[in-house]
Amino acid sequence: MFSSDVRLWQTGTRRNIMKFRTISLAPGRAAAGMILAGAVIDREGHSLLAAGTVLDASIIDRLSRRGIESIAVNVPDTRSPETIAEALRLAEARVALIFRGDGNAARAQLHSAVLHYRQEANK
């Protein structure tokens, strides 16, 4: 799960714009202070944490112990437009390589879905 979000906040008379990116990662790779982008649901479908929860060390440890494999968090997106464009170009090239050659309509539909996913992941 990846997406971009632009947030505006004001400090005094100055307005600041920060771009955020939603990434998915294992709880063990999360850091205290990260903010959940989506709810955390266990294998039985129970909601463990709500979107917007600020992670701390004890929450991260509990998620790992409960066997949660992936969480979505918002992180600042400091990539330049050039870096994003290059990541998109590389993703499109990888998908084109995977789906090279002829195929049927189902293959074309899968190609389109994978390409869309990779493009969203790199925006």
Protein backbone atom coordinates (compact mmCIF):
# COMPACT_ATOMS: atom_id res chain seq x y z
CA MET A 1 0.00 0.00 0.00
CA PHE A 2 1.46 3.26 -1.09
CA SER A 3 0.01 6.68 -1.65
CA SER A 4 0.89 10.31 -1.35
CA ASP A 5 -0.69 12.99 0.78
CA VAL A 6 0.05 16.70 1.00
CA ARG A 7 -0.64 18.42 4.30
CA LEU A 8 -0.71 22.08 5.11
CA TRP A 9 -0.19 23.49 8.56
CA GLN A 10 0.39 26.94 9.90
CA THR A 11 2.88 28.13 12.48
CA GLY A 12 2.40 31.76 13.41
CA THR A 13 2.02 33.61 10.12
CA ARG A 14 3.96 31.04 8.12
CA ARG A 15 2.31 28.23 6.17
CA ASN A 16 4.20 25.01 5.67
CA ILE A 17 3.48 22.27 3.18
CA MET A 18 4.78 18.77 3.72
CA LYS A 19 4.20 15.83 1.47
CA PHE A 20 3.65 12.45 3.12
CA ARG A 21 3.87 9.00 1.64
CA THR A 22 2.07 5.93 2.93
CA ILE A 23 4.26 2.85 3.03
CA SER A 24 3.72 -0.69 4.24
CA LEU A 25 6.35 -2.32 6.39
CA ALA A 26 6.81 -5.00 9.01
CA PRO A 27 6.27 -3.76 12.58
CA GLY A 28 9.91 -4.57 13.35
CA ARG A 29 10.97 -1.95 10.79
CA ALA A 30 8.69 0.75 12.24
CA ALA A 31 10.02 3.48 14.49
CA ALA A 32 8.50 5.18 17.51
CA GLY A 33 6.68 8.34 16.46
CA MET A 34 5.41 6.97 13.14
CA ILE A 35 1.69 7.42 12.54
CA LEU A 36 -0.55 4.61 11.32
CA ALA A 37 -2.09 5.39 7.94
CA GLY A 38 -4.72 2.68 8.31
CA ALA A 39 -6.24 0.51 11.00
CA VAL A 40 -4.37 -2.59 12.10
CA ILE A 41 -6.55 -5.70 11.82
CA ASP A 42 -5.58 -9.14 13.14
CA ARG A 43 -6.15 -12.46 11.37
CA GLU A 44 -9.57 -12.87 12.97
CA GLY A 45 -10.68 -9.48 11.72
CA HIS A 46 -10.45 -7.65 15.05
CA SER A 47 -9.34 -4.04 14.94
CA LEU A 48 -6.24 -3.66 17.09
CA LEU A 49 -5.33 -0.03 16.42
CA ALA A 50 -7.04 2.84 14.63
CA ALA A 51 -5.59 4.92 11.82
CA GLY A 52 -3.85 7.95 13.26
CA THR A 53 -2.34 6.07 16.21
CA VAL A 54 1.17 7.28 17.03
CA LEU A 55 3.46 4.29 17.46
CA ASP A 56 5.71 3.86 20.46
CA ALA A 57 8.12 1.06 21.37
CA SER A 58 5.55 -0.91 23.38
CA ILE A 59 2.95 -0.80 20.58
CA ILE A 60 5.53 -1.93 18.02
CA ASP A 61 6.60 -4.80 20.30
CA ARG A 62 2.98 -5.91 20.84
CA LEU A 63 2.29 -5.87 17.09
CA SER A 64 5.32 -8.08 16.47
CA ARG A 65 4.34 -10.50 19.24
CA ARG A 66 0.78 -10.77 17.85
CA GLY A 67 2.17 -11.84 14.48
CA ILE A 68 1.11 -8.74 12.55
CA GLU A 69 3.07 -8.97 9.32
CA SER A 70 2.54 -5.51 7.85
CA ILE A 71 1.36 -2.05 8.89
CA ALA A 72 0.76 1.10 6.85
CA VAL A 73 2.41 4.27 8.15
CA ASN A 74 2.71 7.85 6.94
CA VAL A 75 6.27 9.08 6.43
CA PRO A 76 7.53 12.40 5.07
CA ASP A 77 8.20 12.17 1.34
CA THR A 78 11.45 13.98 0.71
CA ARG A 79 12.01 12.62 -2.79
CA SER A 80 12.56 15.14 -5.56
CA PRO A 81 10.27 15.20 -8.62
CA GLU A 82 13.20 13.85 -10.65
CA THR A 83 13.66 10.92 -8.28
CA ILE A 84 9.95 10.11 -8.44
CA ALA A 85 9.97 10.30 -12.26
CA GLU A 86 12.96 7.94 -12.41
CA ALA A 87 11.30 5.46 -10.03
CA LEU A 88 8.16 5.51 -12.20
CA ARG A 89 10.24 4.97 -15.36
CA LEU A 90 12.07 2.01 -13.79
CA ALA A 91 8.84 0.46 -12.50
CA GLU A 92 7.22 0.73 -15.94
CA ALA A 93 10.31 -0.86 -17.54
CA ARG A 94 10.23 -3.78 -15.05
CA VAL A 95 6.54 -4.42 -15.68
CA ALA A 96 7.07 -4.25 -19.46
CA LEU A 97 9.88 -6.83 -19.14
CA ILE A 98 7.72 -9.17 -17.07
CA PHE A 99 4.81 -8.95 -19.52
CA ARG A 100 6.85 -8.98 -22.74
CA GLY A 101 5.46 -10.94 -25.66
CA ASP A 102 1.96 -11.75 -26.76
CA GLY A 103 -0.83 -12.84 -24.49
CA ASN A 104 -4.57 -13.09 -24.08
CA ALA A 105 -7.06 -10.57 -22.69
CA ALA A 106 -6.66 -11.84 -19.11
CA ARG A 107 -2.89 -11.35 -19.32
CA ALA A 108 -3.39 -7.82 -20.66
CA GLN A 109 -5.74 -7.08 -17.78
CA LEU A 110 -3.21 -8.41 -15.25
CA HIS A 111 -0.48 -6.34 -16.91
CA SER A 112 -2.63 -3.23 -16.54
CA ALA A 113 -3.36 -3.96 -12.87
CA VAL A 114 0.29 -4.61 -12.01
CA LEU A 115 1.39 -1.48 -13.87
CA HIS A 116 -1.18 0.62 -12.01
CA TYR A 117 -0.08 -0.83 -8.67
CA ARG A 118 3.60 -0.11 -9.40
CA GLN A 119 2.79 3.43 -10.54
CA GLU A 120 0.83 4.13 -7.35
CA ALA A 121 3.66 2.66 -5.27
CA ASN A 122 6.12 5.14 -6.75
CA LYS A 123 4.07 8.34 -6.74
